[in-house]
Amino acid sequence: MKAPSWIMLSLLLLGGCQREKPLSPAMQVDVMDSVAQEQRRDKSLAYEHTVTIALEPAVLPNRMKEIQEACATDKKYGCTLLDVLLRSATDAPSGTIRMRLAPGGVAVFTATASKNGAIKEQITHAEDLAQQVNDTERELALLTAHRDRLIEFSKDKSLKIDQVMTVSRELASVQTQIDTAATTRANLHRRIDTELLTLKLNVPAETLIAQRAPIHDAFESFTSDFSDAIAQVIRFIAGLIPWLVVIVPGIVLLRLLWHAVSRWLARRSG
């Protein structure tokens, strides 16, 4: 009895001493991975995460490249890039990256993406795939049993040629169904064993407001506004010229007619 007591006491003292020392970042990540694995004992849930992060315009494009490179070179979490979208507007760039990776990598890549930024929104959705997994396993079991019976039946030496051909066609059909079900099962387990992470990178709202001040916008749009004004003047002149062709001769004719009428009236009155 004494030996176990001493062992337990030593372990408690060792644990107390270790708790006094802060964990390194690498050790913290390892602990997070362990906790994530412990929390995923239920092998029927497929997790999806959507994280919205605010970054300054000068940082955002480089951060997109950094995340892509980190995922492409990652070996610990099996990161796979699915979608990459970058809108490279000068004042308000934005980007979206979708990736699939091991559960422990979600926190790591989220921390990388939000460095020198702020997480504005984080959504986690879990889909229960237990029914689909069970149905697929049941289908595979039935198909495999049927295939095995066909194989045993095909070994019968008394079968005729047409019977052998029928069994062969059925075997090929069953094997195709088995391959399809096996692919479905692999995809389901991949969705359960890994997690889908979507990172949405945007410029902070306050930065956009500051950039879009009235005076700043006026200077930014001066060239385009000036060009639009000149274009409107040109359109006005172009629309006026046809009317001048009609109006000017008309005015001249009216003046000549008026003078003629005035002279006629003057002669009659004289």
C-alpha atoms as a PDB file:
ATOM      1  CA  MET A   1       0.000   0.000   0.000  1.00  0.00           C
ATOM      2  CA  LYS A   2       2.873   2.388   0.712  1.00  0.00           C
ATOM      3  CA  ALA A   3       4.358   2.199  -2.756  1.00  0.00           C
ATOM      4  CA  PRO A   4       1.220   3.367  -4.588  1.00  0.00           C
ATOM      5  CA  SER A   5       0.791   6.198  -2.076  1.00  0.00           C
ATOM      6  CA  TRP A   6       4.284   7.421  -2.728  1.00  0.00           C
ATOM      7  CA  ILE A   7       3.744   7.129  -6.466  1.00  0.00           C
ATOM      8  CA  MET A   8       0.523   9.122  -6.314  1.00  0.00           C
ATOM      9  CA  LEU A   9       2.169  11.762  -4.113  1.00  0.00           C
ATOM     10  CA  SER A  10       5.082  12.048  -6.541  1.00  0.00           C
ATOM     11  CA  LEU A  11       2.744  12.421  -9.493  1.00  0.00           C
ATOM     12  CA  LEU A  12       0.772  15.139  -7.686  1.00  0.00           C
ATOM     13  CA  LEU A  13       3.931  17.015  -6.784  1.00  0.00           C
ATOM     14  CA  LEU A  14       5.219  16.668 -10.347  1.00  0.00           C
ATOM     15  CA  GLY A  15       1.900  17.919 -11.722  1.00  0.00           C
ATOM     16  CA  GLY A  16       1.973  20.880  -9.347  1.00  0.00           C
ATOM     17  CA  CYS A  17       5.486  21.809 -10.424  1.00  0.00           C
ATOM     18  CA  GLN A  18       4.611  21.528 -14.084  1.00  0.00           C
ATOM     19  CA  ARG A  19       1.560  23.747 -13.689  1.00  0.00           C
ATOM     20  CA  GLU A  20       3.739  26.535 -12.427  1.00  0.00           C
ATOM     21  CA  LYS A  21       5.521  26.678 -15.808  1.00  0.00           C
ATOM     22  CA  PRO A  22       3.624  28.258 -18.738  1.00  0.00           C
ATOM     23  CA  LEU A  23       3.156  26.113 -21.821  1.00  0.00           C
ATOM     24  CA  SER A  24       4.996  27.064 -24.971  1.00  0.00           C
ATOM     25  CA  PRO A  25       2.892  27.932 -28.065  1.00  0.00           C
ATOM     26  CA  ALA A  26       3.763  24.591 -29.652  1.00  0.00           C
ATOM     27  CA  MET A  27       2.669  22.717 -26.510  1.00  0.00           C
ATOM     28  CA  GLN A  28      -0.558  24.754 -26.390  1.00  0.00           C
ATOM     29  CA  VAL A  29      -1.373  23.717 -29.955  1.00  0.00           C
ATOM     30  CA  ASP A  30      -0.701  20.068 -29.073  1.00  0.00           C
ATOM     31  CA  VAL A  31      -3.027  20.346 -26.074  1.00  0.00           C
ATOM     32  CA  MET A  32      -5.713  21.940 -28.270  1.00  0.00           C
ATOM     33  CA  ASP A  33      -5.340  19.064 -30.728  1.00  0.00           C
ATOM     34  CA  SER A  34      -5.734  16.512 -27.951  1.00  0.00           C
ATOM     35  CA  VAL A  35      -8.816  18.246 -26.587  1.00  0.00           C
ATOM     36  CA  ALA A  36     -10.327  18.478 -30.067  1.00  0.00           C
ATOM     37  CA  GLN A  37      -9.782  14.768 -30.623  1.00  0.00           C
ATOM     38  CA  GLU A  38     -11.325  13.943 -27.240  1.00  0.00           C
ATOM     39  CA  GLN A  39     -14.371  16.063 -28.049  1.00  0.00           C
ATOM     40  CA  ARG A  40     -14.880  14.188 -31.333  1.00  0.00           C
ATOM     41  CA  ARG A  41     -15.535  10.737 -29.885  1.00  0.00           C
ATOM     42  CA  ASP A  42     -18.885  10.785 -31.666  1.00  0.00           C
ATOM     43  CA  LYS A  43     -17.816   9.759 -35.159  1.00  0.00           C
ATOM     44  CA  SER A  44     -21.016  10.812 -36.856  1.00  0.00           C
ATOM     45  CA  LEU A  45     -20.795  14.619 -36.870  1.00  0.00           C
ATOM     46  CA  ALA A  46     -19.391  16.603 -39.813  1.00  0.00           C
ATOM     47  CA  TYR A  47     -18.282  20.083 -38.754  1.00  0.00           C
ATOM     48  CA  GLU A  48     -18.173  23.253 -40.846  1.00  0.00           C
ATOM     49  CA  HIS A  49     -16.723  26.564 -39.621  1.00  0.00           C
ATOM     50  CA  THR A  50     -17.141  30.025 -41.133  1.00  0.00           C
ATOM     51  CA  VAL A  51     -14.925  32.780 -39.699  1.00  0.00           C
ATOM     52  CA  THR A  52     -15.155  36.439 -40.734  1.00  0.00           C
ATOM     53  CA  ILE A  53     -11.980  38.448 -40.076  1.00  0.00           C
ATOM     54  CA  ALA A  54     -11.318  42.200 -40.432  1.00  0.00           C
ATOM     55  CA  LEU A  55      -7.877  43.207 -41.774  1.00  0.00           C
ATOM     56  CA  GLU A  56      -6.404  46.457 -43.019  1.00  0.00           C
ATOM     57  CA  PRO A  57      -6.289  46.863 -46.836  1.00  0.00           C
ATOM     58  CA  ALA A  58      -2.477  46.767 -46.937  1.00  0.00           C
ATOM     59  CA  VAL A  59      -2.385  43.489 -44.971  1.00  0.00           C
ATOM     60  CA  LEU A  60      -5.233  41.542 -46.558  1.00  0.00           C
ATOM     61  CA  PRO A  61      -3.693  40.464 -49.932  1.00  0.00           C
ATOM     62  CA  ASN A  62      -0.462  39.291 -48.294  1.00  0.00           C
ATOM     63  CA  ARG A  63      -2.441  37.426 -45.622  1.00  0.00           C
ATOM     64  CA  MET A  64      -4.327  35.573 -48.364  1.00  0.00           C
ATOM     65  CA  LYS A  65      -1.021  34.415 -49.848  1.00  0.00           C
ATOM     66  CA  GLU A  66       0.284  33.474 -46.396  1.00  0.00           C
ATOM     67  CA  ILE A  67      -2.731  31.268 -45.683  1.00  0.00           C
ATOM     68  CA  GLN A  68      -2.508  29.575 -49.080  1.00  0.00           C
ATOM     69  CA  GLU A  69       1.182  28.820 -48.624  1.00  0.00           C
ATOM     70  CA  ALA A  70       0.621  27.554 -45.080  1.00  0.00           C
ATOM     71  CA  CYS A  71      -2.113  25.189 -46.276  1.00  0.00           C
ATOM     72  CA  ALA A  72      -0.114  24.001 -49.295  1.00  0.00           C
ATOM     73  CA  THR A  73       2.928  23.149 -47.148  1.00  0.00           C
ATOM     74  CA  ASP A  74       1.002  21.819 -44.141  1.00  0.00           C
ATOM     75  CA  LYS A  75       1.712  18.219 -43.177  1.00  0.00           C
ATOM     76  CA  LYS A  76       0.385  18.049 -39.631  1.00  0.00           C
ATOM     77  CA  TYR A  77      -3.308  18.719 -40.349  1.00  0.00           C
ATOM     78  CA  GLY A  78      -3.554  17.454 -43.931  1.00  0.00           C
ATOM     79  CA  CYS A  79      -4.835  20.818 -45.167  1.00  0.00           C
ATOM     80  CA  THR A  80      -6.449  20.804 -48.623  1.00  0.00           C
ATOM     81  CA  LEU A  81      -7.375  24.034 -50.429  1.00  0.00           C
ATOM     82  CA  LEU A  82     -10.848  23.929 -51.976  1.00  0.00           C
ATOM     83  CA  ASP A  83     -11.607  27.517 -53.067  1.00  0.00           C
ATOM     84  CA  VAL A  84      -9.640  30.771 -53.200  1.00  0.00           C
ATOM     85  CA  LEU A  85     -11.240  34.097 -54.150  1.00  0.00           C
ATOM     86  CA  LEU A  86      -9.500  37.498 -53.968  1.00  0.00           C
ATOM     87  CA  ARG A  87     -11.204  40.760 -54.940  1.00  0.00           C
ATOM     88  CA  SER A  88      -8.294  43.169 -55.317  1.00  0.00           C
ATOM     89  CA  ALA A  89     -10.105  46.515 -55.093  1.00  0.00           C
ATOM     90  CA  THR A  90      -7.704  49.319 -54.160  1.00  0.00           C
ATOM     91  CA  ASP A  91      -9.773  50.732 -51.292  1.00  0.00           C
ATOM     92  CA  ALA A  92     -11.644  47.642 -50.089  1.00  0.00           C
ATOM     93  CA  PRO A  93      -9.991  44.318 -51.013  1.00  0.00           C
ATOM     94  CA  SER A  94     -11.640  41.130 -49.771  1.00  0.00           C
ATOM     95  CA  GLY A  95     -10.969  37.429 -49.987  1.00  0.00           C
ATOM     96  CA  THR A  96     -12.407  34.013 -49.200  1.00  0.00           C
ATOM     97  CA  ILE A  97     -10.518  30.761 -48.632  1.00  0.00           C
ATOM     98  CA  ARG A  98     -12.150  27.358 -48.130  1.00  0.00           C
ATOM     99  CA  MET A  99     -10.096  24.419 -46.900  1.00  0.00           C
ATOM    100  CA  ARG A 100     -10.543  20.976 -45.394  1.00  0.00           C
ATOM    101  CA  LEU A 101      -8.247  19.863 -42.591  1.00  0.00           C
ATOM    102  CA  ALA A 102      -7.967  17.912 -39.348  1.00  0.00           C
ATOM    103  CA  PRO A 103      -9.985  19.276 -36.379  1.00  0.00           C
ATOM    104  CA  GLY A 104      -6.942  20.609 -34.548  1.00  0.00           C
ATOM    105  CA  GLY A 105      -5.950  22.791 -37.488  1.00  0.00           C
ATOM    106  CA  VAL A 106      -9.065  24.983 -37.368  1.00  0.00           C
ATOM    107  CA  ALA A 107      -7.821  27.031 -34.414  1.00  0.00           C
ATOM    108  CA  VAL A 108      -4.294  27.208 -35.845  1.00  0.00           C
ATOM    109  CA  PHE A 109      -5.315  28.529 -39.278  1.00  0.00           C
ATOM    110  CA  THR A 110      -7.880  30.882 -37.743  1.00  0.00           C
ATOM    111  CA  ALA A 111      -5.161  32.354 -35.528  1.00  0.00           C
ATOM    112  CA  THR A 112      -2.875  32.750 -38.550  1.00  0.00           C
ATOM    113  CA  ALA A 113      -5.582  34.487 -40.571  1.00  0.00           C
ATOM    114  CA  SER A 114      -6.607  36.873 -37.760  1.00  0.00           C
ATOM    115  CA  LYS A 115      -3.067  37.947 -36.806  1.00  0.00           C
ATOM    116  CA  ASN A 116      -3.008  41.775 -36.442  1.00  0.00           C
ATOM    117  CA  GLY A 117      -6.736  41.740 -37.208  1.00  0.00           C
ATOM    118  CA  ALA A 118     -10.030  41.014 -35.478  1.00  0.00           C
ATOM    119  CA  ILE A 119     -12.483  38.106 -35.647  1.00  0.00           C
ATOM    120  CA  LYS A 120     -15.887  39.653 -36.353  1.00  0.00           C
ATOM    121  CA  GLU A 121     -17.966  36.483 -36.609  1.00  0.00           C
ATOM    122  CA  GLN A 122     -17.467  32.762 -36.113  1.00  0.00           C
ATOM    123  CA  ILE A 123     -20.130  30.210 -37.020  1.00  0.00           C
ATOM    124  CA  THR A 124     -19.894  26.449 -36.434  1.00  0.00           C
ATOM    125  CA  HIS A 125     -22.358  24.015 -37.982  1.00  0.00           C
ATOM    126  CA  ALA A 126     -22.463  20.259 -37.389  1.00  0.00           C
ATOM    127  CA  GLU A 127     -24.330  17.789 -39.573  1.00  0.00           C
ATOM    128  CA  ASP A 128     -25.176  14.365 -38.145  1.00  0.00           C
ATOM    129  CA  LEU A 129     -24.237  11.711 -40.715  1.00  0.00           C
ATOM    130  CA  ALA A 130     -25.000   8.686 -38.521  1.00  0.00           C
ATOM    131  CA  GLN A 131     -27.987   7.574 -40.601  1.00  0.00           C
ATOM    132  CA  GLN A 132     -26.085   7.904 -43.886  1.00  0.00           C
ATOM    133  CA  VAL A 133     -23.104   6.010 -42.475  1.00  0.00           C
ATOM    134  CA  ASN A 134     -25.309   3.212 -41.136  1.00  0.00           C
ATOM    135  CA  ASP A 135     -27.219   2.917 -44.411  1.00  0.00           C
ATOM    136  CA  THR A 136     -23.982   2.761 -46.397  1.00  0.00           C
ATOM    137  CA  GLU A 137     -22.469   0.140 -44.093  1.00  0.00           C
ATOM    138  CA  ARG A 138     -25.644  -1.952 -44.290  1.00  0.00           C
ATOM    139  CA  GLU A 139     -25.679  -1.677 -48.084  1.00  0.00           C
ATOM    140  CA  LEU A 140     -22.028  -2.678 -48.283  1.00  0.00           C
ATOM    141  CA  ALA A 141     -22.603  -5.675 -46.029  1.00  0.00           C
ATOM    142  CA  LEU A 142     -25.548  -6.904 -48.108  1.00  0.00           C
ATOM    143  CA  LEU A 143     -23.711  -6.398 -51.404  1.00  0.00           C
ATOM    144  CA  THR A 144     -20.571  -8.112 -50.107  1.00  0.00           C
ATOM    145  CA  ALA A 145     -22.585 -11.094 -48.875  1.00  0.00           C
ATOM    146  CA  HIS A 146     -24.369 -11.297 -52.223  1.00  0.00           C
ATOM    147  CA  ARG A 147     -21.054 -11.139 -54.092  1.00  0.00           C
ATOM    148  CA  ASP A 148     -19.599 -13.913 -51.925  1.00  0.00           C
ATOM    149  CA  ARG A 149     -22.605 -16.140 -52.626  1.00  0.00           C
ATOM    150  CA  LEU A 150     -22.256 -15.495 -56.354  1.00  0.00           C
ATOM    151  CA  ILE A 151     -18.568 -16.383 -56.215  1.00  0.00           C
ATOM    152  CA  GLU A 152     -19.360 -19.655 -54.447  1.00  0.00           C
ATOM    153  CA  PHE A 153     -22.150 -20.391 -56.907  1.00  0.00           C
ATOM    154  CA  SER A 154     -19.850 -19.734 -59.863  1.00  0.00           C
ATOM    155  CA  LYS A 155     -17.515 -22.505 -58.642  1.00  0.00           C
ATOM    156  CA  ASP A 156     -20.194 -25.124 -59.332  1.00  0.00           C
ATOM    157  CA  LYS A 157     -18.859 -27.300 -62.156  1.00  0.00           C
ATOM    158  CA  SER A 158     -22.345 -28.303 -63.217  1.00  0.00           C
ATOM    159  CA  LEU A 159     -23.291 -24.832 -64.414  1.00  0.00           C
ATOM    160  CA  LYS A 160     -24.094 -24.403 -68.065  1.00  0.00           C
ATOM    161  CA  ILE A 161     -22.528 -21.740 -70.262  1.00  0.00           C
ATOM    162  CA  ASP A 162     -25.550 -19.441 -70.153  1.00  0.00           C
ATOM    163  CA  GLN A 163     -25.717 -19.771 -66.355  1.00  0.00           C
ATOM    164  CA  VAL A 164     -22.024 -18.946 -66.038  1.00  0.00           C
ATOM    165  CA  MET A 165     -22.500 -15.842 -68.190  1.00  0.00           C
ATOM    166  CA  THR A 166     -25.494 -14.737 -66.111  1.00  0.00           C
ATOM    167  CA  VAL A 167     -23.528 -15.164 -62.883  1.00  0.00           C
ATOM    168  CA  SER A 168     -20.568 -13.236 -64.353  1.00  0.00           C
ATOM    169  CA  ARG A 169     -22.795 -10.320 -65.379  1.00  0.00           C
ATOM    170  CA  GLU A 170     -24.392 -10.254 -61.931  1.00  0.00           C
ATOM    171  CA  LEU A 171     -20.969 -10.353 -60.288  1.00  0.00           C
ATOM    172  CA  ALA A 172     -19.793  -7.395 -62.361  1.00  0.00           C
ATOM    173  CA  SER A 173     -22.949  -5.430 -61.497  1.00  0.00           C
ATOM    174  CA  VAL A 174     -22.622  -6.177 -57.787  1.00  0.00           C
ATOM    175  CA  GLN A 175     -18.930  -5.243 -57.775  1.00  0.00           C
ATOM    176  CA  THR A 176     -19.768  -1.899 -59.390  1.00  0.00           C
ATOM    177  CA  GLN A 177     -22.349  -1.237 -56.680  1.00  0.00           C
ATOM    178  CA  ILE A 178     -19.805  -2.199 -54.010  1.00  0.00           C
ATOM    179  CA  ASP A 179     -17.248   0.226 -55.437  1.00  0.00           C
ATOM    180  CA  THR A 180     -19.826   3.037 -55.483  1.00  0.00           C
ATOM    181  CA  ALA A 181     -20.902   2.347 -51.903  1.00  0.00           C
ATOM    182  CA  ALA A 182     -17.254   2.152 -50.784  1.00  0.00           C
ATOM    183  CA  THR A 183     -16.600   5.558 -52.352  1.00  0.00           C
ATOM    184  CA  THR A 184     -19.646   6.986 -50.583  1.00  0.00           C
ATOM    185  CA  ARG A 185     -18.454   5.550 -47.274  1.00  0.00           C
ATOM    186  CA  ALA A 186     -14.967   7.010 -47.776  1.00  0.00           C
ATOM    187  CA  ASN A 187     -16.422  10.454 -48.502  1.00  0.00           C
ATOM    188  CA  LEU A 188     -18.668  10.299 -45.432  1.00  0.00           C
ATOM    189  CA  HIS A 189     -15.781   9.332 -43.164  1.00  0.00           C
ATOM    190  CA  ARG A 190     -13.630  12.074 -44.709  1.00  0.00           C
ATOM    191  CA  ARG A 191     -16.311  14.630 -43.840  1.00  0.00           C
ATOM    192  CA  ILE A 192     -16.430  13.260 -40.282  1.00  0.00           C
ATOM    193  CA  ASP A 193     -12.679  12.892 -39.729  1.00  0.00           C
ATOM    194  CA  THR A 194     -11.857  16.341 -41.160  1.00  0.00           C
ATOM    195  CA  GLU A 195     -13.510  19.750 -40.901  1.00  0.00           C
ATOM    196  CA  LEU A 196     -14.432  22.385 -43.454  1.00  0.00           C
ATOM    197  CA  LEU A 197     -13.069  25.852 -42.684  1.00  0.00           C
ATOM    198  CA  THR A 198     -14.126  28.991 -44.584  1.00  0.00           C
ATOM    199  CA  LEU A 199     -12.129  32.161 -43.882  1.00  0.00           C
ATOM    200  CA  LYS A 200     -13.690  35.438 -45.040  1.00  0.00           C
ATOM    201  CA  LEU A 201     -11.271  38.382 -44.976  1.00  0.00           C
ATOM    202  CA  ASN A 202     -12.695  41.914 -45.198  1.00  0.00           C
ATOM    203  CA  VAL A 203     -11.623  45.495 -44.538  1.00  0.00           C
ATOM    204  CA  PRO A 204     -12.905  47.001 -41.229  1.00  0.00           C
ATOM    205  CA  ALA A 205     -15.986  49.188 -41.583  1.00  0.00           C
ATOM    206  CA  GLU A 206     -14.315  52.098 -39.814  1.00  0.00           C
ATOM    207  CA  THR A 207     -11.453  52.018 -42.336  1.00  0.00           C
ATOM    208  CA  LEU A 208     -13.891  52.173 -45.224  1.00  0.00           C
ATOM    209  CA  ILE A 209     -15.708  55.109 -43.641  1.00  0.00           C
ATOM    210  CA  ALA A 210     -12.437  56.975 -43.135  1.00  0.00           C
ATOM    211  CA  GLN A 211     -11.353  56.312 -46.709  1.00  0.00           C
ATOM    212  CA  ARG A 212     -14.666  57.463 -48.129  1.00  0.00           C
ATOM    213  CA  ALA A 213     -14.721  60.967 -46.597  1.00  0.00           C
ATOM    214  CA  PRO A 214     -16.484  63.563 -48.842  1.00  0.00           C
ATOM    215  CA  ILE A 215     -13.367  65.640 -49.663  1.00  0.00           C
ATOM    216  CA  HIS A 216     -11.323  62.532 -50.352  1.00  0.00           C
ATOM    217  CA  ASP A 217     -14.061  61.140 -52.580  1.00  0.00           C
ATOM    218  CA  ALA A 218     -14.350  64.473 -54.409  1.00  0.00           C
ATOM    219  CA  PHE A 219     -10.638  64.493 -55.243  1.00  0.00           C
ATOM    220  CA  GLU A 220     -10.763  60.830 -56.201  1.00  0.00           C
ATOM    221  CA  SER A 221     -13.685  61.421 -58.589  1.00  0.00           C
ATOM    222  CA  PHE A 222     -12.477  64.798 -59.975  1.00  0.00           C
ATOM    223  CA  THR A 223     -11.154  63.381 -63.250  1.00  0.00           C
ATOM    224  CA  SER A 224     -14.196  61.254 -63.945  1.00  0.00           C
ATOM    225  CA  ASP A 225     -16.616  64.057 -62.975  1.00  0.00           C
ATOM    226  CA  PHE A 226     -14.787  66.552 -65.215  1.00  0.00           C
ATOM    227  CA  SER A 227     -14.882  64.109 -68.126  1.00  0.00           C
ATOM    228  CA  ASP A 228     -18.594  63.506 -67.565  1.00  0.00           C
ATOM    229  CA  ALA A 229     -19.286  67.276 -67.575  1.00  0.00           C
ATOM    230  CA  ILE A 230     -17.424  67.777 -70.874  1.00  0.00           C
ATOM    231  CA  ALA A 231     -19.281  64.830 -72.359  1.00  0.00           C
ATOM    232  CA  GLN A 232     -22.605  66.362 -71.340  1.00  0.00           C
ATOM    233  CA  VAL A 233     -21.663  69.703 -72.983  1.00  0.00           C
ATOM    234  CA  ILE A 234     -20.698  67.894 -76.192  1.00  0.00           C
ATOM    235  CA  ARG A 235     -23.985  66.016 -76.159  1.00  0.00           C
ATOM    236  CA  PHE A 236     -25.887  69.283 -75.644  1.00  0.00           C
ATOM    237  CA  ILE A 237     -24.122  70.968 -78.592  1.00  0.00           C
ATOM    238  CA  ALA A 238     -24.617  67.902 -80.769  1.00  0.00           C
ATOM    239  CA  GLY A 239     -28.317  67.988 -79.992  1.00  0.00           C
ATOM    240  CA  LEU A 240     -28.574  71.754 -80.575  1.00  0.00           C
ATOM    241  CA  ILE A 241     -26.915  71.914 -84.016  1.00  0.00           C
ATOM    242  CA  PRO A 242     -29.856  70.341 -85.931  1.00  0.00           C
ATOM    243  CA  TRP A 243     -32.224  72.846 -84.327  1.00  0.00           C
ATOM    244  CA  LEU A 244     -29.954  75.766 -85.272  1.00  0.00           C
ATOM    245  CA  VAL A 245     -30.085  74.666 -88.897  1.00  0.00           C
ATOM    246  CA  VAL A 246     -33.869  75.078 -88.774  1.00  0.00           C
ATOM    247  CA  ILE A 247     -34.248  78.004 -86.360  1.00  0.00           C
ATOM    248  CA  VAL A 248     -31.677  80.475 -87.809  1.00  0.00           C
ATOM    249  CA  PRO A 249     -33.077  80.455 -91.388  1.00  0.00           C
ATOM    250  CA  GLY A 250     -36.559  80.682 -89.931  1.00  0.00           C
ATOM    251  CA  ILE A 251     -35.666  83.778 -87.941  1.00  0.00           C
ATOM    252  CA  VAL A 252     -34.129  85.381 -91.037  1.00  0.00           C
ATOM    253  CA  LEU A 253     -37.245  84.624 -93.088  1.00  0.00           C
ATOM    254  CA  LEU A 254     -39.491  86.015 -90.377  1.00  0.00           C
ATOM    255  CA  ARG A 255     -37.491  89.265 -90.247  1.00  0.00           C
ATOM    256  CA  LEU A 256     -37.640  89.646 -94.042  1.00  0.00           C
ATOM    257  CA  LEU A 257     -41.351  88.988 -93.996  1.00  0.00           C
ATOM    258  CA  TRP A 258     -41.830  91.536 -91.219  1.00  0.00           C
ATOM    259  CA  HIS A 259     -39.921  94.203 -93.120  1.00  0.00           C
ATOM    260  CA  ALA A 260     -41.953  93.504 -96.273  1.00  0.00           C
ATOM    261  CA  VAL A 261     -45.224  93.760 -94.360  1.00  0.00           C
ATOM    262  CA  SER A 262     -44.069  96.952 -92.659  1.00  0.00           C
ATOM    263  CA  ARG A 263     -43.199  98.605 -95.986  1.00  0.00           C
ATOM    264  CA  TRP A 264     -46.514  97.551 -97.520  1.00  0.00           C
ATOM    265  CA  LEU A 265     -48.430  98.971 -94.573  1.00  0.00           C
ATOM    266  CA  ALA A 266     -46.402 102.200 -94.818  1.00  0.00           C
ATOM    267  CA  ARG A 267     -47.208 102.661 -98.520  1.00  0.00           C
ATOM    268  CA  ARG A 268     -50.927 102.137 -97.936  1.00  0.00           C
ATOM    269  CA  SER A 269     -51.027 104.597 -95.112  1.00  0.00           C
ATOM    270  CA  GLY A 270     -49.050 107.142 -97.206  1.00  0.00           C
END
